[in-house]
C-alpha atoms as a PDB file:
ATOM      1  CA  MET A   1      75.665 -36.601  -5.807  1.00  0.00           C
ATOM      2  CA  SER A   2      72.249 -38.037  -6.960  1.00  0.00           C
ATOM      3  CA  GLU A   3      68.885 -36.646  -5.722  1.00  0.00           C
ATOM      4  CA  ILE A   4      66.998 -38.751  -3.310  1.00  0.00           C
ATOM      5  CA  ILE A   5      63.811 -39.809  -4.542  1.00  0.00           C
ATOM      6  CA  ASN A   6      60.828 -40.636  -2.451  1.00  0.00           C
ATOM      7  CA  LYS A   7      59.341 -43.699  -4.179  1.00  0.00           C
ATOM      8  CA  VAL A   8      56.428 -44.109  -1.798  1.00  0.00           C
ATOM      9  CA  ALA A   9      55.441 -40.472  -2.242  1.00  0.00           C
ATOM     10  CA  ASN A  10      55.500 -41.076  -6.119  1.00  0.00           C
ATOM     11  CA  SER A  11      53.539 -44.245  -6.182  1.00  0.00           C
ATOM     12  CA  GLN A  12      49.987 -44.935  -6.547  1.00  0.00           C
ATOM     13  CA  LEU A  13      49.598 -46.233  -3.092  1.00  0.00           C
ATOM     14  CA  VAL A  14      46.433 -45.203  -1.415  1.00  0.00           C
ATOM     15  CA  VAL A  15      46.105 -45.165   2.392  1.00  0.00           C
ATOM     16  CA  PHE A  16      42.879 -46.336   3.958  1.00  0.00           C
ATOM     17  CA  ASP A  17      43.073 -45.186   7.564  1.00  0.00           C
ATOM     18  CA  LEU A  18      40.224 -46.498  10.031  1.00  0.00           C
ATOM     19  CA  GLU A  19      41.248 -43.635  12.391  1.00  0.00           C
ATOM     20  CA  ASP A  20      39.525 -41.406   9.720  1.00  0.00           C
ATOM     21  CA  TYR A  21      36.059 -43.022  10.474  1.00  0.00           C
ATOM     22  CA  TYR A  22      36.332 -43.192  14.250  1.00  0.00           C
ATOM     23  CA  PRO A  23      33.308 -41.453  15.672  1.00  0.00           C
ATOM     24  CA  ALA A  24      34.080 -38.703  17.781  1.00  0.00           C
ATOM     25  CA  GLY A  25      32.311 -38.686  21.173  1.00  0.00           C
ATOM     26  CA  ILE A  26      32.644 -39.908  24.876  1.00  0.00           C
ATOM     27  CA  ARG A  27      32.368 -43.600  25.662  1.00  0.00           C
ATOM     28  CA  LYS A  28      30.914 -44.327  29.113  1.00  0.00           C
ATOM     29  CA  GLU A  29      30.138 -47.688  30.918  1.00  0.00           C
ATOM     30  CA  ILE A  30      26.962 -48.139  32.989  1.00  0.00           C
ATOM     31  CA  ASP A  31      27.681 -50.876  35.540  1.00  0.00           C
ATOM     32  CA  ILE A  32      24.750 -52.794  36.670  1.00  0.00           C
ATOM     33  CA  ALA A  33      26.473 -54.004  39.724  1.00  0.00           C
ATOM     34  CA  GLN A  34      26.367 -50.405  41.324  1.00  0.00           C
ATOM     35  CA  TRP A  35      22.479 -51.184  41.760  1.00  0.00           C
ATOM     36  CA  LEU A  36      22.612 -54.834  42.920  1.00  0.00           C
ATOM     37  CA  PHE A  37      22.383 -55.827  46.567  1.00  0.00           C
ATOM     38  CA  GLU A  38      26.036 -56.855  47.522  1.00  0.00           C
ATOM     39  CA  GLY A  39      26.753 -56.596  43.692  1.00  0.00           C
ATOM     40  CA  PHE A  40      25.131 -59.877  43.084  1.00  0.00           C
ATOM     41  CA  ILE A  41      21.401 -59.872  43.854  1.00  0.00           C
ATOM     42  CA  LEU A  42      18.995 -57.959  41.866  1.00  0.00           C
ATOM     43  CA  LYS A  43      15.900 -56.823  44.247  1.00  0.00           C
ATOM     44  CA  GLU A  44      13.609 -55.512  41.578  1.00  0.00           C
ATOM     45  CA  LYS A  45      11.995 -52.740  43.594  1.00  0.00           C
ATOM     46  CA  ASP A  46      15.197 -51.496  44.925  1.00  0.00           C
ATOM     47  CA  PHE A  47      16.688 -51.817  41.223  1.00  0.00           C
ATOM     48  CA  ARG A  48      13.854 -49.711  39.839  1.00  0.00           C
ATOM     49  CA  ALA A  49      14.169 -47.230  42.545  1.00  0.00           C
ATOM     50  CA  TYR A  50      17.794 -46.789  41.889  1.00  0.00           C
ATOM     51  CA  LEU A  51      17.163 -46.400  38.124  1.00  0.00           C
ATOM     52  CA  LYS A  52      14.410 -43.698  38.808  1.00  0.00           C
ATOM     53  CA  ALA A  53      16.844 -41.609  40.839  1.00  0.00           C
ATOM     54  CA  HIS A  54      19.740 -41.945  38.493  1.00  0.00           C
ATOM     55  CA  ASP A  55      21.047 -38.754  36.627  1.00  0.00           C
ATOM     56  CA  TRP A  56      20.547 -40.082  32.886  1.00  0.00           C
ATOM     57  CA  SER A  57      21.585 -36.693  31.560  1.00  0.00           C
ATOM     58  CA  GLN A  58      25.229 -37.571  32.199  1.00  0.00           C
ATOM     59  CA  TYR A  59      24.895 -39.565  28.980  1.00  0.00           C
ATOM     60  CA  GLN A  60      23.880 -36.944  27.014  1.00  0.00           C
ATOM     61  CA  SER A  61      25.447 -37.671  23.494  1.00  0.00           C
ATOM     62  CA  CYS A  62      27.651 -40.286  24.891  1.00  0.00           C
ATOM     63  CA  TYR A  63      28.177 -43.796  23.345  1.00  0.00           C
ATOM     64  CA  VAL A  64      27.242 -46.071  26.154  1.00  0.00           C
ATOM     65  CA  VAL A  65      27.928 -49.673  27.196  1.00  0.00           C
ATOM     66  CA  ILE A  66      25.807 -51.580  29.613  1.00  0.00           C
ATOM     67  CA  ILE A  67      27.792 -54.199  31.498  1.00  0.00           C
ATOM     68  CA  CYS A  68      27.693 -56.081  34.849  1.00  0.00           C
ATOM     69  CA  SER A  69      31.252 -56.261  36.434  1.00  0.00           C
ATOM     70  CA  THR A  70      30.409 -59.054  38.689  1.00  0.00           C
ATOM     71  CA  ASP A  71      29.375 -62.734  38.138  1.00  0.00           C
ATOM     72  CA  ALA A  72      25.889 -61.983  38.891  1.00  0.00           C
ATOM     73  CA  THR A  73      23.078 -63.930  37.356  1.00  0.00           C
ATOM     74  CA  MET A  74      20.587 -61.249  36.039  1.00  0.00           C
ATOM     75  CA  PRO A  75      17.375 -61.712  34.107  1.00  0.00           C
ATOM     76  CA  THR A  76      17.630 -59.999  30.743  1.00  0.00           C
ATOM     77  CA  TRP A  77      15.212 -57.570  31.191  1.00  0.00           C
ATOM     78  CA  ALA A  78      17.421 -55.453  33.765  1.00  0.00           C
ATOM     79  CA  SER A  79      19.939 -54.629  31.064  1.00  0.00           C
ATOM     80  CA  VAL A  80      17.004 -53.716  28.552  1.00  0.00           C
ATOM     81  CA  LEU A  81      15.546 -51.357  31.474  1.00  0.00           C
ATOM     82  CA  VAL A  82      18.733 -49.773  31.770  1.00  0.00           C
ATOM     83  CA  ALA A  83      18.770 -49.239  28.075  1.00  0.00           C
ATOM     84  CA  VAL A  84      15.109 -47.911  28.025  1.00  0.00           C
ATOM     85  CA  ASN A  85      16.400 -45.115  30.717  1.00  0.00           C
ATOM     86  CA  VAL A  86      19.596 -44.059  28.910  1.00  0.00           C
ATOM     87  CA  THR A  87      18.520 -44.244  25.319  1.00  0.00           C
ATOM     88  CA  PRO A  88      16.896 -40.860  25.058  1.00  0.00           C
ATOM     89  CA  PHE A  89      20.110 -39.315  25.933  1.00  0.00           C
ATOM     90  CA  ALA A  90      22.851 -41.473  24.455  1.00  0.00           C
ATOM     91  CA  LYS A  91      23.911 -41.536  20.832  1.00  0.00           C
ATOM     92  CA  LYS A  92      24.214 -45.216  20.836  1.00  0.00           C
ATOM     93  CA  VAL A  93      23.626 -47.966  23.457  1.00  0.00           C
ATOM     94  CA  ILE A  94      24.982 -51.518  23.638  1.00  0.00           C
ATOM     95  CA  SER A  95      25.453 -54.381  26.052  1.00  0.00           C
ATOM     96  CA  GLY A  96      28.712 -55.685  26.084  1.00  0.00           C
ATOM     97  CA  SER A  97      32.110 -54.347  26.247  1.00  0.00           C
ATOM     98  CA  LEU A  98      33.860 -51.056  24.924  1.00  0.00           C
ATOM     99  CA  GLU A  99      35.393 -53.001  22.176  1.00  0.00           C
ATOM    100  CA  ASP A 100      31.910 -54.237  21.333  1.00  0.00           C
ATOM    101  CA  LEU A 101      31.063 -50.866  21.110  1.00  0.00           C
ATOM    102  CA  GLU A 102      33.695 -49.882  18.713  1.00  0.00           C
ATOM    103  CA  THR A 103      33.032 -52.973  16.685  1.00  0.00           C
ATOM    104  CA  SER A 104      29.272 -51.784  16.383  1.00  0.00           C
ATOM    105  CA  LEU A 105      30.165 -48.266  15.584  1.00  0.00           C
ATOM    106  CA  TYR A 106      32.508 -49.543  12.787  1.00  0.00           C
ATOM    107  CA  THR A 107      29.953 -52.155  11.390  1.00  0.00           C
ATOM    108  CA  ASN A 108      27.431 -49.231  10.911  1.00  0.00           C
ATOM    109  CA  ILE A 109      29.993 -46.784   9.172  1.00  0.00           C
ATOM    110  CA  LEU A 110      32.372 -48.920   7.066  1.00  0.00           C
ATOM    111  CA  PRO A 111      29.748 -50.671   4.684  1.00  0.00           C
ATOM    112  CA  ASN A 112      28.288 -47.041   3.781  1.00  0.00           C
ATOM    113  CA  LEU A 113      31.617 -45.640   2.489  1.00  0.00           C
ATOM    114  CA  ASP A 114      32.182 -45.420  -1.210  1.00  0.00           C
ATOM    115  CA  TYR A 115      35.030 -48.007  -1.998  1.00  0.00           C
ATOM    116  CA  SER A 116      35.044 -47.169  -5.599  1.00  0.00           C
ATOM    117  CA  VAL A 117      37.898 -44.696  -5.269  1.00  0.00           C
ATOM    118  CA  TYR A 118      40.063 -47.706  -4.501  1.00  0.00           C
ATOM    119  CA  LYS A 119      39.278 -49.316  -7.699  1.00  0.00           C
ATOM    120  CA  ASP A 120      42.391 -51.096  -9.105  1.00  0.00           C
ATOM    121  CA  LYS A 121      44.896 -49.339  -6.826  1.00  0.00           C
ATOM    122  CA  PRO A 122      47.189 -50.646  -4.301  1.00  0.00           C
ATOM    123  CA  VAL A 123      45.849 -50.022  -0.925  1.00  0.00           C
ATOM    124  CA  ILE A 124      47.595 -49.887   2.413  1.00  0.00           C
ATOM    125  CA  LEU A 125      45.233 -50.639   5.421  1.00  0.00           C
ATOM    126  CA  LYS A 126      46.987 -48.415   7.980  1.00  0.00           C
ATOM    127  CA  GLY A 127      47.922 -49.956  11.069  1.00  0.00           C
ATOM    128  CA  CYS A 128      49.200 -48.710  14.521  1.00  0.00           C
ATOM    129  CA  SER A 129      46.368 -46.466  15.395  1.00  0.00           C
ATOM    130  CA  LYS A 130      46.204 -44.038  18.366  1.00  0.00           C
ATOM    131  CA  LYS A 131      42.583 -44.703  18.782  1.00  0.00           C
ATOM    132  CA  PRO A 132      40.970 -48.036  19.862  1.00  0.00           C
ATOM    133  CA  VAL A 133      40.149 -49.377  16.562  1.00  0.00           C
ATOM    134  CA  PRO A 134      39.094 -52.863  17.105  1.00  0.00           C
ATOM    135  CA  LEU A 135      40.552 -55.796  15.059  1.00  0.00           C
ATOM    136  CA  SER A 136      37.081 -56.478  13.774  1.00  0.00           C
ATOM    137  CA  ALA A 137      37.209 -53.204  12.043  1.00  0.00           C
ATOM    138  CA  TYR A 138      40.309 -54.268  10.086  1.00  0.00           C
ATOM    139  CA  VAL A 139      38.728 -57.543   9.161  1.00  0.00           C
ATOM    140  CA  LEU A 140      35.708 -55.775   7.909  1.00  0.00           C
ATOM    141  CA  ALA A 141      37.622 -53.111   6.109  1.00  0.00           C
ATOM    142  CA  VAL A 142      39.527 -55.701   3.972  1.00  0.00           C
ATOM    143  CA  GLN A 143      36.584 -57.621   3.067  1.00  0.00           C
ATOM    144  CA  LEU A 144      35.006 -54.266   1.735  1.00  0.00           C
ATOM    145  CA  LEU A 145      38.282 -53.047  -0.093  1.00  0.00           C
ATOM    146  CA  GLN A 146      38.964 -56.548  -1.695  1.00  0.00           C
ATOM    147  CA  PRO A 147      36.467 -56.305  -4.492  1.00  0.00           C
ATOM    148  CA  PHE A 148      37.755 -53.128  -5.376  1.00  0.00           C
ATOM    149  CA  ALA A 149      41.662 -52.948  -4.823  1.00  0.00           C
ATOM    150  CA  LYS A 150      44.553 -54.190  -6.907  1.00  0.00           C
ATOM    151  CA  SER A 151      46.321 -55.370  -3.980  1.00  0.00           C
ATOM    152  CA  ILE A 152      45.919 -54.636  -0.146  1.00  0.00           C
ATOM    153  CA  MET A 153      48.787 -54.358   2.349  1.00  0.00           C
ATOM    154  CA  TYR A 154      48.727 -53.658   5.977  1.00  0.00           C
ATOM    155  CA  GLY A 155      51.090 -51.458   8.320  1.00  0.00           C
ATOM    156  CA  GLU A 156      52.698 -48.282   6.725  1.00  0.00           C
ATOM    157  CA  ALA A 157      54.421 -47.634   3.468  1.00  0.00           C
ATOM    158  CA  CYS A 158      57.682 -48.152   4.549  1.00  0.00           C
ATOM    159  CA  SER A 159      57.042 -51.604   6.048  1.00  0.00           C
ATOM    160  CA  ALA A 160      53.639 -52.940   4.809  1.00  0.00           C
ATOM    161  CA  VAL A 161      52.635 -56.562   4.915  1.00  0.00           C
ATOM    162  CA  PRO A 162      51.124 -57.906   1.638  1.00  0.00           C
ATOM    163  CA  LEU A 163      47.634 -59.458   2.361  1.00  0.00           C
ATOM    164  CA  PHE A 164      45.900 -59.628  -0.939  1.00  0.00           C
ATOM    165  CA  LYS A 165      46.721 -59.021  -4.663  1.00  0.00           C
ATOM    166  CA  ARG A 166      44.005 -59.644  -7.261  1.00  0.00           C
ATOM    167  CA  VAL A 167      44.860 -62.206 -10.002  1.00  0.00           C
ATOM    168  CA  ASN A 168      44.309 -61.234 -13.470  1.00  0.00           C
ATOM    169  CA  LYS A 169      42.591 -63.793 -15.444  1.00  0.00           C
END
């Protein structure tokens, strides 16, 4: 009986796992609708009073997203004023969705990595994350890996989907 050889373990494949770069920390949403009259009307005096009374310390070292869960038409300054109040406590503040937040975080992290370690190597862009890695992070990662990698696949070593192969000239 012949020995079973793990060809994947013996290959030159290098795994690029976006979860390795996922910033640890609590994500929180601030919904402006809670401070609007009937969830739709911004009364400036009341709005400013709510913001003044709000406990901003609960966002200490958190990643914060400012949203409005209703279809209220609001002046731009309302979100900006919320940001002014939460910024001294939060790690990062954006207006948008939690996915927009993750995109923003990866957009800051990925361009600063050293991709030279992937030079002329077959790379697997690991899929199936357990953390909320946005699609935009995969798109950015493949763009940054492409100038270095010999080839790029997506998924797992046992079932990778080919994405890119450098053509030697």
